[in-house]
Amino acid sequence: TSKKKSELSQIEDLNYKLSVRENLIKVTNQQANVLTRSINSNQKQISANREELALLKDSYAKMLQQAYKQKNKQSRIMFLLSANTFKQAYKRVKYLKQYADYQKLQATKIKVKTAALQKANLELLAQKEEKNKLIAANKIEQNTLKIERKQHESIMRSIKRNLNKYSAQIKAKQKEAKRIDAQIDNLIKEAIAKSNKK
């Protein structure tokens, strides 16, 4: 009976453990799925940023080539001095300043985009690492779950075996009791029959 109690308490413990572990695996899978969606979203964003950065660099390179060609043809001073009027010269000074500012702005944009891309790549690596850890933890939990399920099945088989054994013993005892009862009945009948003859 104490063995039976022990097995039943083991089954209760294992049922609780199995339930907790199954929930843990479920939650870990959900976390991994959330990370997968986030990784996919970040990868799309990184691809878009790369394309934008490539276009910015290409545009900037063309602009620098154009500026270099202009520089070779005539210097800035000559460009300003060749103006017909003061108003035209002022406009040219303004244009040169705006052009220089635009070049600086494009260069800054490239720097910012490059930094954002590097940051996004690092975040993506961290997310992938976290996902791999979750998957590894999940595998361990699933293996433990398999072991605990086998233990559960083994104890259940043992309980069933014992129940069969106990029920067989009870049936044998009941049969033996009936046999003894029948013998007693026969002895009583014989005794009555003997006493009647006297």
Protein backbone atom coordinates (compact mmCIF):
# COMPACT_ATOMS: atom_id res chain seq x y z
CA THR A 1 0.00 0.00 0.00
CA SER A 2 2.86 2.37 0.85
CA LYS A 3 4.46 1.50 -2.51
CA LYS A 4 1.12 2.24 -4.21
CA LYS A 5 0.90 5.60 -2.38
CA SER A 6 4.47 6.39 -3.37
CA GLU A 7 3.73 5.60 -7.04
CA LEU A 8 0.57 7.73 -6.96
CA SER A 9 2.47 10.70 -5.47
CA GLN A 10 5.16 10.22 -8.15
CA ILE A 11 2.43 10.32 -10.82
CA GLU A 12 1.00 13.54 -9.31
CA ASP A 13 4.48 15.12 -9.24
CA LEU A 14 5.16 14.05 -12.83
CA ASN A 15 1.76 15.32 -14.02
CA TYR A 16 2.58 18.73 -12.52
CA LYS A 17 6.10 18.73 -14.02
CA LEU A 18 4.79 17.70 -17.44
CA SER A 19 2.17 20.47 -17.36
CA VAL A 20 4.74 23.13 -16.34
CA ARG A 21 7.27 21.94 -18.93
CA GLU A 22 4.69 21.84 -21.75
CA ASN A 23 3.65 25.43 -20.90
CA LEU A 24 7.30 26.51 -20.80
CA ILE A 25 7.92 24.98 -24.25
CA LYS A 26 4.76 26.68 -25.56
CA VAL A 27 5.86 30.09 -24.20
CA THR A 28 9.42 29.62 -25.56
CA ASN A 29 8.00 28.74 -28.99
CA GLN A 30 5.85 31.88 -28.90
CA GLN A 31 8.91 34.00 -27.97
CA ALA A 32 10.92 32.39 -30.81
CA ASN A 33 8.06 33.14 -33.27
CA VAL A 34 7.92 36.80 -32.14
CA LEU A 35 11.71 37.04 -32.64
CA THR A 36 11.43 35.41 -36.08
CA ARG A 37 8.87 38.04 -37.14
CA SER A 38 11.06 40.82 -35.73
CA ILE A 39 14.18 39.40 -37.48
CA ASN A 40 12.31 39.20 -40.82
CA SER A 41 11.08 42.79 -40.39
CA ASN A 42 14.60 44.01 -39.52
CA GLN A 43 16.11 42.15 -42.49
CA LYS A 44 13.64 43.90 -44.82
CA GLN A 45 14.51 47.27 -43.21
CA ILE A 46 18.26 46.56 -43.57
CA SER A 47 17.80 45.66 -47.26
CA ALA A 48 15.84 48.91 -47.82
CA ASN A 49 18.54 50.89 -45.96
CA ARG A 50 21.29 49.24 -48.04
CA GLU A 51 19.52 50.17 -51.29
CA GLU A 52 18.98 53.75 -50.06
CA LEU A 53 22.63 53.99 -48.98
CA ALA A 54 23.81 52.66 -52.37
CA LEU A 55 21.68 55.31 -54.16
CA LEU A 56 23.00 58.07 -51.87
CA LYS A 57 26.63 57.00 -52.44
CA ASP A 58 26.07 56.78 -56.21
CA SER A 59 24.45 60.23 -56.29
CA TYR A 60 27.25 61.67 -54.12
CA ALA A 61 29.96 60.12 -56.32
CA LYS A 62 28.35 61.61 -59.46
CA MET A 63 28.10 64.99 -57.77
CA LEU A 64 31.80 64.91 -56.80
CA GLN A 65 32.77 63.89 -60.35
CA GLN A 66 30.75 66.80 -61.70
CA ALA A 67 32.37 69.19 -59.22
CA TYR A 68 35.83 67.90 -60.20
CA LYS A 69 35.08 68.45 -63.90
CA GLN A 70 33.84 71.99 -63.16
CA LYS A 71 36.98 72.64 -61.13
CA ASN A 72 39.17 71.56 -64.04
CA LYS A 73 37.36 73.69 -66.57
CA GLN A 74 37.51 76.87 -64.55
CA SER A 75 38.25 77.78 -60.96
CA ARG A 76 35.59 79.14 -58.63
CA ILE A 77 37.18 82.59 -58.74
CA MET A 78 37.04 82.62 -62.55
CA PHE A 79 33.40 81.43 -62.33
CA LEU A 80 32.63 84.41 -60.09
CA LEU A 81 34.72 86.97 -61.99
CA SER A 82 33.17 86.00 -65.31
CA ALA A 83 29.80 87.30 -64.07
CA ASN A 84 28.49 90.23 -66.10
CA THR A 85 26.83 92.03 -63.21
CA PHE A 86 27.17 92.19 -59.42
CA LYS A 87 23.73 90.60 -59.12
CA GLN A 88 24.84 87.67 -61.29
CA ALA A 89 28.05 87.32 -59.22
CA TYR A 90 26.01 87.31 -55.98
CA LYS A 91 23.72 84.62 -57.40
CA ARG A 92 26.79 82.56 -58.35
CA VAL A 93 28.24 82.94 -54.81
CA LYS A 94 24.87 81.83 -53.42
CA TYR A 95 24.75 78.87 -55.85
CA LEU A 96 28.29 77.77 -54.90
CA LYS A 97 27.40 77.96 -51.19
CA GLN A 98 24.17 76.01 -51.70
CA TYR A 99 26.05 73.40 -53.76
CA ALA A 100 28.72 73.04 -51.03
CA ASP A 101 25.98 72.78 -48.37
CA TYR A 102 24.19 70.14 -50.44
CA GLN A 103 27.42 68.15 -50.76
CA LYS A 104 27.90 68.32 -46.97
CA LEU A 105 24.27 67.31 -46.40
CA GLN A 106 24.64 64.29 -48.70
CA ALA A 107 27.86 63.26 -46.93
CA THR A 108 26.10 63.58 -43.53
CA LYS A 109 23.15 61.53 -44.81
CA ILE A 110 25.54 58.79 -45.92
CA LYS A 111 27.24 58.79 -42.49
CA VAL A 112 23.87 58.64 -40.65
CA LYS A 113 22.54 55.88 -42.94
CA THR A 114 25.76 53.86 -42.54
CA ALA A 115 25.61 54.19 -38.74
CA ALA A 116 21.89 53.19 -38.72
CA LEU A 117 22.69 50.20 -40.92
CA GLN A 118 25.54 49.07 -38.63
CA LYS A 119 23.28 49.45 -35.57
CA ALA A 120 20.46 47.48 -37.25
CA ASN A 121 22.94 44.73 -38.20
CA LEU A 122 24.14 44.47 -34.57
CA GLU A 123 20.55 44.34 -33.29
CA LEU A 124 19.75 41.64 -35.84
CA LEU A 125 22.76 39.56 -34.71
CA ALA A 126 21.66 39.94 -31.06
CA GLN A 127 18.10 38.86 -31.97
CA LYS A 128 19.37 35.83 -33.90
CA GLU A 129 21.61 34.87 -30.96
CA GLU A 130 18.65 35.20 -28.55
CA LYS A 131 16.49 33.08 -30.87
CA ASN A 132 19.21 30.39 -31.06
CA LYS A 133 19.42 30.35 -27.24
CA LEU A 134 15.63 29.95 -27.01
CA ILE A 135 15.70 27.09 -29.54
CA ALA A 136 18.56 25.38 -27.64
CA ALA A 137 16.69 25.79 -24.32
CA ASN A 138 13.57 24.41 -25.97
CA LYS A 139 15.42 21.30 -27.18
CA ILE A 140 16.66 20.62 -23.63
CA GLU A 141 13.11 21.06 -22.26
CA GLN A 142 11.68 18.76 -24.95
CA ASN A 143 14.28 16.06 -24.17
CA THR A 144 13.49 16.33 -20.44
CA LEU A 145 9.78 16.15 -21.30
CA LYS A 146 10.36 12.89 -23.24
CA ILE A 147 12.22 11.39 -20.24
CA GLU A 148 9.48 12.47 -17.81
CA ARG A 149 6.76 11.06 -20.10
CA LYS A 150 8.59 7.71 -20.19
CA GLN A 151 8.84 7.75 -16.38
CA HIS A 152 5.11 8.54 -16.21
CA GLU A 153 4.29 5.63 -18.55
CA SER A 154 6.57 3.26 -16.59
CA ILE A 155 4.94 4.12 -13.23
CA MET A 156 1.45 3.81 -14.76
CA ARG A 157 2.36 0.32 -16.08
CA SER A 158 3.66 -0.62 -12.63
CA ILE A 159 0.43 0.58 -10.96
CA LYS A 160 -1.67 -1.39 -13.48
CA ARG A 161 0.48 -4.52 -12.93
CA ASN A 162 0.06 -4.19 -9.17
CA LEU A 163 -3.67 -3.63 -9.52
CA ASN A 164 -3.94 -6.80 -11.62
CA LYS A 165 -1.83 -8.69 -9.07
CA TYR A 166 -3.94 -7.40 -6.15
CA SER A 167 -7.21 -8.19 -7.91
CA ALA A 168 -5.94 -11.73 -8.71
CA GLN A 169 -5.00 -12.20 -5.03
CA ILE A 170 -8.42 -10.92 -3.91
CA LYS A 171 -10.18 -13.30 -6.33
CA ALA A 172 -8.05 -16.23 -5.07
CA LYS A 173 -8.89 -15.35 -1.44
CA GLN A 174 -12.59 -15.04 -2.29
CA LYS A 175 -12.47 -18.49 -3.99
CA GLU A 176 -10.68 -19.93 -0.95
CA ALA A 177 -13.29 -18.37 1.39
CA LYS A 178 -16.13 -19.89 -0.68
CA ARG A 179 -14.43 -23.32 -0.55
CA ILE A 180 -14.04 -23.06 3.24
CA ASP A 181 -17.69 -21.92 3.56
CA ALA A 182 -18.80 -24.91 1.48
CA GLN A 183 -16.73 -27.28 3.68
CA ILE A 184 -18.27 -25.76 6.84
CA ASP A 185 -21.76 -26.15 5.33
CA ASN A 186 -21.03 -29.81 4.54
CA LEU A 187 -19.70 -30.46 8.06
CA ILE A 188 -22.81 -28.82 9.58
CA LYS A 189 -25.10 -30.89 7.30
CA GLU A 190 -23.22 -34.09 8.21
CA ALA A 191 -23.44 -33.28 11.93
CA ILE A 192 -27.21 -32.61 11.63
CA ALA A 193 -27.69 -35.82 9.66
CA LYS A 194 -25.77 -37.81 12.34
CA SER A 195 -27.75 -36.28 15.19
CA ASN A 196 -31.04 -37.08 13.42
CA LYS A 197 -30.05 -40.76 13.09
CA LYS A 198 -29.56 -41.04 16.84
